[in-house]
Every structure is written in structure tokens, then in C-alpha cells.
Amino acid sequence: MQFTLEDQKELETILKIAINQIPSYTNMVNASIGDWDVNADDCIFGMVYHSFIAKSTEYLKNKLIDIEQEANAESIFEIMNSVSDVFNSKVAEIKQKIVASSLG
């Protein structure tokens, strides 16, 4: 599968949606933090990552179906590499938003 600029933009949009969920994740984690022995910021970061990976792989899986291309190990590796690149480009922003959400 050829990863296009359109795919890049779609993944960035999906990541923005996941990032916008940080306040909800913060509320959910803070409501239960007394019951857990975990770092709340790490937990929220993991929730953003999980949401992004789930939604982006669903998008890309549907795209493969739409273009009637069979997935093989090489194409899956390329897809996951592109997904990781998009996420990694926003790690600092994600961490900043988690800290800001936790403070107020």
C-alpha cells in the first residue's frame, strides 16, 4: 500500500481527536487514582496512544479493503511505521497537554 499525503493528514486528524480526549481521560483517571499505584500521566499517555493506534489501524485496514489490496507483512510494517511516525511527531505536544490538563 502506498502511503499518501491524504493518509498522513487523516492520521494527523485521528491523532488530534485522540489528543482532544485528554481532559476526559484525566477526569477518568483522577476519579480512580486512589485505587491505583500508577503514574496518572503515564496512564493518560497510554490511553491516547491506544486510542490513536486503534482508530488509525481501523482507518488503514478499511483503506486496504477499499483499494482491494491484500495485506502482507511488508505492507503492514510500512503502515505501522507511518503510524508510529505520526504519533512520535506529536509526543511533546501530547505530554504538554497531559500536564496542562492535570493542572487545571
PDB file of N, CA and C in Angstrom:
ATOM      1  N   MET A   1       0.853  -1.181   0.000  1.00  0.00           N
ATOM      2  CA  MET A   1       0.000   0.000   0.000  1.00  0.00           C
ATOM      3  C   MET A   1       0.891   1.234   0.000  1.00  0.00           C
ATOM      4  N   GLN A   2       0.587   2.139  -0.867  1.00  0.00           N
ATOM      5  CA  GLN A   2       1.317   3.405  -0.940  1.00  0.00           C
ATOM      6  C   GLN A   2       0.726   4.385   0.069  1.00  0.00           C
ATOM      7  N   PHE A   3       1.553   4.863   0.974  1.00  0.00           N
ATOM      8  CA  PHE A   3       1.121   5.820   1.993  1.00  0.00           C
ATOM      9  C   PHE A   3       1.159   7.206   1.377  1.00  0.00           C
ATOM     10  N   THR A   4      -0.002   7.869   1.311  1.00  0.00           N
ATOM     11  CA  THR A   4      -0.116   9.144   0.615  1.00  0.00           C
ATOM     12  C   THR A   4      -0.190  10.315   1.592  1.00  0.00           C
ATOM     13  N   LEU A   5      -0.125  11.518   1.035  1.00  0.00           N
ATOM     14  CA  LEU A   5      -0.282  12.731   1.828  1.00  0.00           C
ATOM     15  C   LEU A   5      -1.679  12.768   2.449  1.00  0.00           C
ATOM     16  N   GLU A   6      -2.662  12.271   1.734  1.00  0.00           N
ATOM     17  CA  GLU A   6      -4.024  12.176   2.266  1.00  0.00           C
ATOM     18  C   GLU A   6      -4.064  11.277   3.498  1.00  0.00           C
ATOM     19  N   ASP A   7      -3.356  10.161   3.435  1.00  0.00           N
ATOM     20  CA  ASP A   7      -3.287   9.254   4.590  1.00  0.00           C
ATOM     21  C   ASP A   7      -2.611   9.949   5.770  1.00  0.00           C
ATOM     22  N   GLN A   8      -1.539  10.672   5.489  1.00  0.00           N
ATOM     23  CA  GLN A   8      -0.819  11.414   6.535  1.00  0.00           C
ATOM     24  C   GLN A   8      -1.766  12.391   7.228  1.00  0.00           C
ATOM     25  N   LYS A   9      -2.531  13.133   6.447  1.00  0.00           N
ATOM     26  CA  LYS A   9      -3.460  14.116   7.011  1.00  0.00           C
ATOM     27  C   LYS A   9      -4.567  13.432   7.804  1.00  0.00           C
ATOM     28  N   GLU A  10      -5.042  12.310   7.311  1.00  0.00           N
ATOM     29  CA  GLU A  10      -6.089  11.576   8.022  1.00  0.00           C
ATOM     30  C   GLU A  10      -5.557  11.070   9.366  1.00  0.00           C
ATOM     31  N   LEU A  11      -4.349  10.550   9.376  1.00  0.00           N
ATOM     32  CA  LEU A  11      -3.762  10.082  10.634  1.00  0.00           C
ATOM     33  C   LEU A  11      -3.544  11.234  11.601  1.00  0.00           C
ATOM     34  N   GLU A  12      -3.141  12.384  11.097  1.00  0.00           N
ATOM     35  CA  GLU A  12      -2.970  13.554  11.959  1.00  0.00           C
ATOM     36  C   GLU A  12      -4.309  13.988  12.554  1.00  0.00           C
ATOM     37  N   THR A  13      -5.373  13.896  11.775  1.00  0.00           N
ATOM     38  CA  THR A  13      -6.712  14.219  12.265  1.00  0.00           C
ATOM     39  C   THR A  13      -7.138  13.223  13.347  1.00  0.00           C
ATOM     40  N   ILE A  14      -6.873  11.961  13.107  1.00  0.00           N
ATOM     41  CA  ILE A  14      -7.200  10.933  14.096  1.00  0.00           C
ATOM     42  C   ILE A  14      -6.430  11.190  15.390  1.00  0.00           C
ATOM     43  N   LEU A  15      -5.169  11.585  15.268  1.00  0.00           N
ATOM     44  CA  LEU A  15      -4.373  11.875  16.459  1.00  0.00           C
ATOM     45  C   LEU A  15      -4.913  13.098  17.196  1.00  0.00           C
ATOM     46  N   LYS A  16      -5.345  14.107  16.469  1.00  0.00           N
ATOM     47  CA  LYS A  16      -5.940  15.287  17.113  1.00  0.00           C
ATOM     48  C   LYS A  16      -7.179  14.892  17.916  1.00  0.00           C
ATOM     49  N   ILE A  17      -7.975  13.999  17.370  1.00  0.00           N
ATOM     50  CA  ILE A  17      -9.165  13.516  18.072  1.00  0.00           C
ATOM     51  C   ILE A  17      -8.754  12.823  19.371  1.00  0.00           C
ATOM     52  N   ALA A  18      -7.733  11.980  19.300  1.00  0.00           N
ATOM     53  CA  ALA A  18      -7.252  11.288  20.499  1.00  0.00           C
ATOM     54  C   ALA A  18      -6.703  12.282  21.521  1.00  0.00           C
ATOM     55  N   ILE A  19      -5.970  13.290  21.051  1.00  0.00           N
ATOM     56  CA  ILE A  19      -5.409  14.306  21.944  1.00  0.00           C
ATOM     57  C   ILE A  19      -6.531  15.107  22.608  1.00  0.00           C
ATOM     58  N   ASN A  20      -7.583  15.383  21.873  1.00  0.00           N
ATOM     59  CA  ASN A  20      -8.700  16.141  22.428  1.00  0.00           C
ATOM     60  C   ASN A  20      -9.446  15.376  23.528  1.00  0.00           C
ATOM     61  N   GLN A  21      -9.190  14.097  23.643  1.00  0.00           N
ATOM     62  CA  GLN A  21      -9.811  13.282  24.691  1.00  0.00           C
ATOM     63  C   GLN A  21      -9.047  13.357  26.018  1.00  0.00           C
ATOM     64  N   ILE A  22      -7.891  14.032  26.028  1.00  0.00           N
ATOM     65  CA  ILE A  22      -7.064  14.094  27.236  1.00  0.00           C
ATOM     66  C   ILE A  22      -7.842  14.601  28.455  1.00  0.00           C
ATOM     67  N   PRO A  23      -8.628  15.675  28.360  1.00  0.00           N
ATOM     68  CA  PRO A  23      -9.378  16.099  29.559  1.00  0.00           C
ATOM     69  C   PRO A  23     -10.320  15.006  30.095  1.00  0.00           C
ATOM     70  N   SER A  24     -10.962  14.282  29.203  1.00  0.00           N
ATOM     71  CA  SER A  24     -11.841  13.185  29.638  1.00  0.00           C
ATOM     72  C   SER A  24     -11.041  12.077  30.296  1.00  0.00           C
ATOM     73  N   TYR A  25      -9.908  11.730  29.694  1.00  0.00           N
ATOM     74  CA  TYR A  25      -9.041  10.699  30.274  1.00  0.00           C
ATOM     75  C   TYR A  25      -8.538  11.142  31.646  1.00  0.00           C
ATOM     76  N   THR A  26      -8.186  12.423  31.768  1.00  0.00           N
ATOM     77  CA  THR A  26      -7.689  12.957  33.037  1.00  0.00           C
ATOM     78  C   THR A  26      -8.754  12.830  34.115  1.00  0.00           C
ATOM     79  N   ASN A  27      -9.983  13.209  33.792  1.00  0.00           N
ATOM     80  CA  ASN A  27     -11.078  13.090  34.757  1.00  0.00           C
ATOM     81  C   ASN A  27     -11.301  11.640  35.170  1.00  0.00           C
ATOM     82  N   MET A  28     -11.258  10.753  34.201  1.00  0.00           N
ATOM     83  CA  MET A  28     -11.494   9.344  34.482  1.00  0.00           C
ATOM     84  C   MET A  28     -10.381   8.780  35.373  1.00  0.00           C
ATOM     85  N   VAL A  29      -9.136   9.096  35.057  1.00  0.00           N
ATOM     86  CA  VAL A  29      -8.016   8.584  35.840  1.00  0.00           C
ATOM     87  C   VAL A  29      -8.010   9.200  37.229  1.00  0.00           C
ATOM     88  N   ASN A  30      -8.234  10.498  37.316  1.00  0.00           N
ATOM     89  CA  ASN A  30      -8.224  11.163  38.628  1.00  0.00           C
ATOM     90  C   ASN A  30      -9.333  10.651  39.541  1.00  0.00           C
ATOM     91  N   ALA A  31     -10.435  10.241  38.969  1.00  0.00           N
ATOM     92  CA  ALA A  31     -11.535   9.707  39.771  1.00  0.00           C
ATOM     93  C   ALA A  31     -11.160   8.370  40.407  1.00  0.00           C
ATOM     94  N   SER A  32     -10.209   7.666  39.809  1.00  0.00           N
ATOM     95  CA  SER A  32      -9.843   6.334  40.303  1.00  0.00           C
ATOM     96  C   SER A  32      -8.421   6.250  40.828  1.00  0.00           C
ATOM     97  N   ILE A  33      -7.682   7.340  40.804  1.00  0.00           N
ATOM     98  CA  ILE A  33      -6.253   7.289  41.111  1.00  0.00           C
ATOM     99  C   ILE A  33      -5.965   6.759  42.507  1.00  0.00           C
ATOM    100  N   GLY A  34      -6.856   6.975  43.444  1.00  0.00           N
ATOM    101  CA  GLY A  34      -6.636   6.462  44.791  1.00  0.00           C
ATOM    102  C   GLY A  34      -6.606   4.949  44.848  1.00  0.00           C
ATOM    103  N   ASP A  35      -7.241   4.311  43.873  1.00  0.00           N
ATOM    104  CA  ASP A  35      -7.311   2.856  43.834  1.00  0.00           C
ATOM    105  C   ASP A  35      -6.112   2.224  43.128  1.00  0.00           C
ATOM    106  N   TRP A  36      -5.292   3.042  42.467  1.00  0.00           N
ATOM    107  CA  TRP A  36      -4.213   2.516  41.640  1.00  0.00           C
ATOM    108  C   TRP A  36      -2.864   2.950  42.164  1.00  0.00           C
ATOM    109  N   ASP A  37      -1.871   2.170  41.852  1.00  0.00           N
ATOM    110  CA  ASP A  37      -0.497   2.532  42.166  1.00  0.00           C
ATOM    111  C   ASP A  37       0.250   2.753  40.843  1.00  0.00           C
ATOM    112  N   VAL A  38      -0.225   3.755  40.073  1.00  0.00           N
ATOM    113  CA  VAL A  38       0.379   4.066  38.774  1.00  0.00           C
ATOM    114  C   VAL A  38       0.556   5.574  38.645  1.00  0.00           C
ATOM    115  N   ASN A  39       1.404   5.951  37.723  1.00  0.00           N
ATOM    116  CA  ASN A  39       1.587   7.356  37.400  1.00  0.00           C
ATOM    117  C   ASN A  39       0.432   7.780  36.495  1.00  0.00           C
ATOM    118  N   ALA A  40      -0.346   8.755  36.907  1.00  0.00           N
ATOM    119  CA  ALA A  40      -1.528   9.177  36.154  1.00  0.00           C
ATOM    120  C   ALA A  40      -1.158   9.684  34.764  1.00  0.00           C
ATOM    121  N   ASP A  41      -0.078  10.462  34.657  1.00  0.00           N
ATOM    122  CA  ASP A  41       0.323  10.995  33.355  1.00  0.00           C
ATOM    123  C   ASP A  41       0.685   9.870  32.386  1.00  0.00           C
ATOM    124  N   ASP A  42       1.397   8.861  32.877  1.00  0.00           N
ATOM    125  CA  ASP A  42       1.747   7.727  32.022  1.00  0.00           C
ATOM    126  C   ASP A  42       0.500   6.965  31.577  1.00  0.00           C
ATOM    127  N   CYS A  43      -0.439   6.835  32.478  1.00  0.00           N
ATOM    128  CA  CYS A  43      -1.687   6.144  32.165  1.00  0.00           C
ATOM    129  C   CYS A  43      -2.452   6.892  31.073  1.00  0.00           C
ATOM    130  N   ILE A  44      -2.545   8.198  31.204  1.00  0.00           N
ATOM    131  CA  ILE A  44      -3.252   9.012  30.216  1.00  0.00           C
ATOM    132  C   ILE A  44      -2.531   8.960  28.873  1.00  0.00           C
ATOM    133  N   PHE A  45      -1.201   9.020  28.899  1.00  0.00           N
ATOM    134  CA  PHE A  45      -0.418   8.917  27.671  1.00  0.00           C
ATOM    135  C   PHE A  45      -0.722   7.590  26.971  1.00  0.00           C
ATOM    136  N   GLY A  46      -0.774   6.523  27.742  1.00  0.00           N
ATOM    137  CA  GLY A  46      -1.105   5.215  27.182  1.00  0.00           C
ATOM    138  C   GLY A  46      -2.508   5.171  26.593  1.00  0.00           C
ATOM    139  N   MET A  47      -3.433   5.865  27.226  1.00  0.00           N
ATOM    140  CA  MET A  47      -4.806   5.906  26.713  1.00  0.00           C
ATOM    141  C   MET A  47      -4.860   6.647  25.373  1.00  0.00           C
ATOM    142  N   VAL A  48      -4.117   7.738  25.260  1.00  0.00           N
ATOM    143  CA  VAL A  48      -4.057   8.479  23.993  1.00  0.00           C
ATOM    144  C   VAL A  48      -3.438   7.592  22.916  1.00  0.00           C
ATOM    145  N   TYR A  49      -2.337   6.928  23.259  1.00  0.00           N
ATOM    146  CA  TYR A  49      -1.661   6.050  22.308  1.00  0.00           C
ATOM    147  C   TYR A  49      -2.594   4.928  21.846  1.00  0.00           C
ATOM    148  N   HIS A  50      -3.245   4.288  22.796  1.00  0.00           N
ATOM    149  CA  HIS A  50      -4.150   3.189  22.461  1.00  0.00           C
ATOM    150  C   HIS A  50      -5.284   3.665  21.544  1.00  0.00           C
ATOM    151  N   SER A  51      -5.878   4.803  21.874  1.00  0.00           N
ATOM    152  CA  SER A  51      -6.962   5.343  21.061  1.00  0.00           C
ATOM    153  C   SER A  51      -6.494   5.629  19.638  1.00  0.00           C
ATOM    154  N   PHE A  52      -5.322   6.259  19.526  1.00  0.00           N
ATOM    155  CA  PHE A  52      -4.788   6.592  18.206  1.00  0.00           C
ATOM    156  C   PHE A  52      -4.483   5.336  17.401  1.00  0.00           C
ATOM    157  N   ILE A  53      -3.833   4.371  18.010  1.00  0.00           N
ATOM    158  CA  ILE A  53      -3.479   3.146  17.292  1.00  0.00           C
ATOM    159  C   ILE A  53      -4.734   2.411  16.835  1.00  0.00           C
ATOM    160  N   ALA A  54      -5.725   2.310  17.698  1.00  0.00           N
ATOM    161  CA  ALA A  54      -6.961   1.606  17.341  1.00  0.00           C
ATOM    162  C   ALA A  54      -7.670   2.281  16.171  1.00  0.00           C
ATOM    163  N   LYS A  55      -7.802   3.597  16.256  1.00  0.00           N
ATOM    164  CA  LYS A  55      -8.528   4.319  15.205  1.00  0.00           C
ATOM    165  C   LYS A  55      -7.738   4.389  13.904  1.00  0.00           C
ATOM    166  N   SER A  56      -6.431   4.571  13.987  1.00  0.00           N
ATOM    167  CA  SER A  56      -5.635   4.688  12.768  1.00  0.00           C
ATOM    168  C   SER A  56      -5.512   3.353  12.047  1.00  0.00           C
ATOM    169  N   THR A  57      -5.353   2.268  12.790  1.00  0.00           N
ATOM    170  CA  THR A  57      -5.265   0.978  12.122  1.00  0.00           C
ATOM    171  C   THR A  57      -6.610   0.597  11.501  1.00  0.00           C
ATOM    172  N   GLU A  58      -7.701   0.987  12.138  1.00  0.00           N
ATOM    173  CA  GLU A  58      -9.023   0.741  11.542  1.00  0.00           C
ATOM    174  C   GLU A  58      -9.156   1.511  10.224  1.00  0.00           C
ATOM    175  N   TYR A  59      -8.735   2.774  10.222  1.00  0.00           N
ATOM    176  CA  TYR A  59      -8.771   3.578   9.003  1.00  0.00           C
ATOM    177  C   TYR A  59      -7.943   2.922   7.900  1.00  0.00           C
ATOM    178  N   LEU A  60      -6.728   2.518   8.226  1.00  0.00           N
ATOM    179  CA  LEU A  60      -5.843   1.946   7.211  1.00  0.00           C
ATOM    180  C   LEU A  60      -6.313   0.567   6.758  1.00  0.00           C
ATOM    181  N   LYS A  61      -6.885  -0.205   7.672  1.00  0.00           N
ATOM    182  CA  LYS A  61      -7.434  -1.511   7.293  1.00  0.00           C
ATOM    183  C   LYS A  61      -8.591  -1.317   6.309  1.00  0.00           C
ATOM    184  N   ASN A  62      -9.451  -0.343   6.587  1.00  0.00           N
ATOM    185  CA  ASN A  62     -10.561  -0.057   5.675  1.00  0.00           C
ATOM    186  C   ASN A  62     -10.054   0.430   4.322  1.00  0.00           C
ATOM    187  N   LYS A  63      -8.972   1.194   4.337  1.00  0.00           N
ATOM    188  CA  LYS A  63      -8.410   1.670   3.073  1.00  0.00           C
ATOM    189  C   LYS A  63      -7.903   0.488   2.250  1.00  0.00           C
ATOM    190  N   LEU A  64      -7.243  -0.455   2.896  1.00  0.00           N
ATOM    191  CA  LEU A  64      -6.782  -1.642   2.171  1.00  0.00           C
ATOM    192  C   LEU A  64      -7.957  -2.391   1.544  1.00  0.00           C
ATOM    193  N   ILE A  65      -9.053  -2.477   2.267  1.00  0.00           N
ATOM    194  CA  ILE A  65     -10.240  -3.139   1.734  1.00  0.00           C
ATOM    195  C   ILE A  65     -10.793  -2.350   0.551  1.00  0.00           C
ATOM    196  N   ASP A  66     -10.835  -1.017   0.688  1.00  0.00           N
ATOM    197  CA  ASP A  66     -11.376  -0.177  -0.387  1.00  0.00           C
ATOM    198  C   ASP A  66     -10.565  -0.278  -1.670  1.00  0.00           C
ATOM    199  N   ILE A  67      -9.257  -0.366  -1.545  1.00  0.00           N
ATOM    200  CA  ILE A  67      -8.427  -0.445  -2.762  1.00  0.00           C
ATOM    201  C   ILE A  67      -8.172  -1.892  -3.170  1.00  0.00           C
ATOM    202  N   GLU A  68      -8.812  -2.804  -2.431  1.00  0.00           N
ATOM    203  CA  GLU A  68      -8.744  -4.234  -2.728  1.00  0.00           C
ATOM    204  C   GLU A  68      -7.309  -4.740  -2.796  1.00  0.00           C
ATOM    205  N   GLN A  69      -6.520  -4.302  -1.826  1.00  0.00           N
ATOM    206  CA  GLN A  69      -5.144  -4.763  -1.746  1.00  0.00           C
ATOM    207  C   GLN A  69      -5.015  -5.708  -0.570  1.00  0.00           C
ATOM    208  N   GLU A  70      -4.360  -6.803  -0.810  1.00  0.00           N
ATOM    209  CA  GLU A  70      -4.155  -7.780   0.249  1.00  0.00           C
ATOM    210  C   GLU A  70      -2.983  -7.335   1.124  1.00  0.00           C
ATOM    211  N   ALA A  71      -3.184  -7.422   2.404  1.00  0.00           N
ATOM    212  CA  ALA A  71      -2.125  -7.043   3.338  1.00  0.00           C
ATOM    213  C   ALA A  71      -1.109  -8.173   3.434  1.00  0.00           C
ATOM    214  N   ASN A  72       0.151  -7.790   3.381  1.00  0.00           N
ATOM    215  CA  ASN A  72       1.227  -8.741   3.623  1.00  0.00           C
ATOM    216  C   ASN A  72       2.129  -8.150   4.695  1.00  0.00           C
ATOM    217  N   ALA A  73       3.104  -8.904   5.115  1.00  0.00           N
ATOM    218  CA  ALA A  73       3.970  -8.455   6.216  1.00  0.00           C
ATOM    219  C   ALA A  73       4.660  -7.135   5.884  1.00  0.00           C
ATOM    220  N   GLU A  74       5.105  -6.973   4.673  1.00  0.00           N
ATOM    221  CA  GLU A  74       5.817  -5.746   4.291  1.00  0.00           C
ATOM    222  C   GLU A  74       4.892  -4.535   4.318  1.00  0.00           C
ATOM    223  N   SER A  75       3.685  -4.669   3.790  1.00  0.00           N
ATOM    224  CA  SER A  75       2.763  -3.533   3.778  1.00  0.00           C
ATOM    225  C   SER A  75       2.313  -3.184   5.196  1.00  0.00           C
ATOM    226  N   ILE A  76       2.113  -4.188   6.027  1.00  0.00           N
ATOM    227  CA  ILE A  76       1.722  -3.927   7.421  1.00  0.00           C
ATOM    228  C   ILE A  76       2.853  -3.217   8.155  1.00  0.00           C
ATOM    229  N   PHE A  77       4.090  -3.624   7.917  1.00  0.00           N
ATOM    230  CA  PHE A  77       5.225  -2.970   8.546  1.00  0.00           C
ATOM    231  C   PHE A  77       5.305  -1.506   8.108  1.00  0.00           C
ATOM    232  N   GLU A  78       5.116  -1.238   6.821  1.00  0.00           N
ATOM    233  CA  GLU A  78       5.143   0.136   6.315  1.00  0.00           C
ATOM    234  C   GLU A  78       4.032   0.974   6.941  1.00  0.00           C
ATOM    235  N   ILE A  79       2.848   0.399   7.058  1.00  0.00           N
ATOM    236  CA  ILE A  79       1.719   1.098   7.663  1.00  0.00           C
ATOM    237  C   ILE A  79       2.022   1.438   9.114  1.00  0.00           C
ATOM    238  N   MET A  80       2.482   0.470   9.874  1.00  0.00           N
ATOM    239  CA  MET A  80       2.758   0.707  11.289  1.00  0.00           C
ATOM    240  C   MET A  80       3.910   1.684  11.483  1.00  0.00           C
ATOM    241  N   ASN A  81       4.878   1.666  10.590  1.00  0.00           N
ATOM    242  CA  ASN A  81       5.970   2.625  10.650  1.00  0.00           C
ATOM    243  C   ASN A  81       5.442   4.039  10.433  1.00  0.00           C
ATOM    244  N   SER A  82       4.539   4.205   9.481  1.00  0.00           N
ATOM    245  CA  SER A  82       3.944   5.515   9.216  1.00  0.00           C
ATOM    246  C   SER A  82       3.086   5.980  10.387  1.00  0.00           C
ATOM    247  N   VAL A  83       2.329   5.080  10.961  1.00  0.00           N
ATOM    248  CA  VAL A  83       1.500   5.399  12.128  1.00  0.00           C
ATOM    249  C   VAL A  83       2.394   5.843  13.288  1.00  0.00           C
ATOM    250  N   SER A  84       3.475   5.116  13.507  1.00  0.00           N
ATOM    251  CA  SER A  84       4.411   5.476  14.583  1.00  0.00           C
ATOM    252  C   SER A  84       5.047   6.833  14.345  1.00  0.00           C
ATOM    253  N   ASP A  85       5.394   7.126  13.095  1.00  0.00           N
ATOM    254  CA  ASP A  85       5.990   8.426  12.768  1.00  0.00           C
ATOM    255  C   ASP A  85       5.042   9.577  13.102  1.00  0.00           C
ATOM    256  N   VAL A  86       3.771   9.414  12.763  1.00  0.00           N
ATOM    257  CA  VAL A  86       2.781  10.455  13.053  1.00  0.00           C
ATOM    258  C   VAL A  86       2.669  10.651  14.560  1.00  0.00           C
ATOM    259  N   PHE A  87       2.562   9.571  15.306  1.00  0.00           N
ATOM    260  CA  PHE A  87       2.438   9.680  16.760  1.00  0.00           C
ATOM    261  C   PHE A  87       3.699  10.306  17.365  1.00  0.00           C
ATOM    262  N   ASN A  88       4.850   9.826  16.960  1.00  0.00           N
ATOM    263  CA  ASN A  88       6.108  10.312  17.523  1.00  0.00           C
ATOM    264  C   ASN A  88       6.333  11.795  17.251  1.00  0.00           C
ATOM    265  N   SER A  89       5.791  12.294  16.154  1.00  0.00           N
ATOM    266  CA  SER A  89       5.964  13.716  15.832  1.00  0.00           C
ATOM    267  C   SER A  89       5.188  14.618  16.795  1.00  0.00           C
ATOM    268  N   LYS A  90       4.254  14.051  17.547  1.00  0.00           N
ATOM    269  CA  LYS A  90       3.408  14.839  18.448  1.00  0.00           C
ATOM    270  C   LYS A  90       3.575  14.482  19.924  1.00  0.00           C
ATOM    271  N   VAL A  91       4.592  13.694  20.254  1.00  0.00           N
ATOM    272  CA  VAL A  91       4.764  13.256  21.643  1.00  0.00           C
ATOM    273  C   VAL A  91       4.916  14.440  22.592  1.00  0.00           C
ATOM    274  N   ALA A  92       5.718  15.420  22.227  1.00  0.00           N
ATOM    275  CA  ALA A  92       5.914  16.579  23.105  1.00  0.00           C
ATOM    276  C   ALA A  92       4.598  17.318  23.331  1.00  0.00           C
ATOM    277  N   GLU A  93       3.816  17.494  22.280  1.00  0.00           N
ATOM    278  CA  GLU A  93       2.517  18.167  22.406  1.00  0.00           C
ATOM    279  C   GLU A  93       1.575  17.365  23.294  1.00  0.00           C
ATOM    280  N   ILE A  94       1.579  16.056  23.132  1.00  0.00           N
ATOM    281  CA  ILE A  94       0.716  15.198  23.944  1.00  0.00           C
ATOM    282  C   ILE A  94       1.084  15.323  25.415  1.00  0.00           C
ATOM    283  N   LYS A  95       2.374  15.238  25.709  1.00  0.00           N
ATOM    284  CA  LYS A  95       2.817  15.345  27.104  1.00  0.00           C
ATOM    285  C   LYS A  95       2.468  16.707  27.691  1.00  0.00           C
ATOM    286  N   GLN A  96       2.619  17.751  26.897  1.00  0.00           N
ATOM    287  CA  GLN A  96       2.299  19.102  27.365  1.00  0.00           C
ATOM    288  C   GLN A  96       0.808  19.212  27.687  1.00  0.00           C
ATOM    289  N   LYS A  97      -0.034  18.663  26.832  1.00  0.00           N
ATOM    290  CA  LYS A  97      -1.475  18.732  27.072  1.00  0.00           C
ATOM    291  C   LYS A  97      -1.894  17.888  28.273  1.00  0.00           C
ATOM    292  N   ILE A  98      -1.198  16.783  28.510  1.00  0.00           N
ATOM    293  CA  ILE A  98      -1.499  15.975  29.681  1.00  0.00           C
ATOM    294  C   ILE A  98      -1.168  16.744  30.949  1.00  0.00           C
ATOM    295  N   VAL A  99      -0.006  17.380  30.973  1.00  0.00           N
ATOM    296  CA  VAL A  99       0.399  18.153  32.146  1.00  0.00           C
ATOM    297  C   VAL A  99      -0.575  19.311  32.364  1.00  0.00           C
ATOM    298  N   ALA A 100      -0.920  20.016  31.284  1.00  0.00           N
ATOM    299  CA  ALA A 100      -1.852  21.153  31.410  1.00  0.00           C
ATOM    300  C   ALA A 100      -3.213  20.683  31.908  1.00  0.00           C
ATOM    301  N   SER A 101      -3.671  19.538  31.436  1.00  0.00           N
ATOM    302  CA  SER A 101      -4.968  19.018  31.867  1.00  0.00           C
ATOM    303  C   SER A 101      -4.933  18.595  33.324  1.00  0.00           C
ATOM    304  N   SER A 102      -3.821  18.050  33.755  1.00  0.00           N
ATOM    305  CA  SER A 102      -3.685  17.603  35.136  1.00  0.00           C
ATOM    306  C   SER A 102      -3.640  18.782  36.101  1.00  0.00           C
ATOM    307  N   LEU A 103      -3.132  19.929  35.628  1.00  0.00           N
ATOM    308  CA  LEU A 103      -3.008  21.098  36.491  1.00  0.00           C
ATOM    309  C   LEU A 103      -4.319  21.866  36.636  1.00  0.00           C
ATOM    310  N   GLY A 104      -5.144  21.746  35.657  1.00  0.00           N
ATOM    311  CA  GLY A 104      -6.312  22.587  35.807  1.00  0.00           C
ATOM    312  C   GLY A 104      -7.474  22.132  35.098  1.00  0.00           C
TER     313      GLY A 104
END
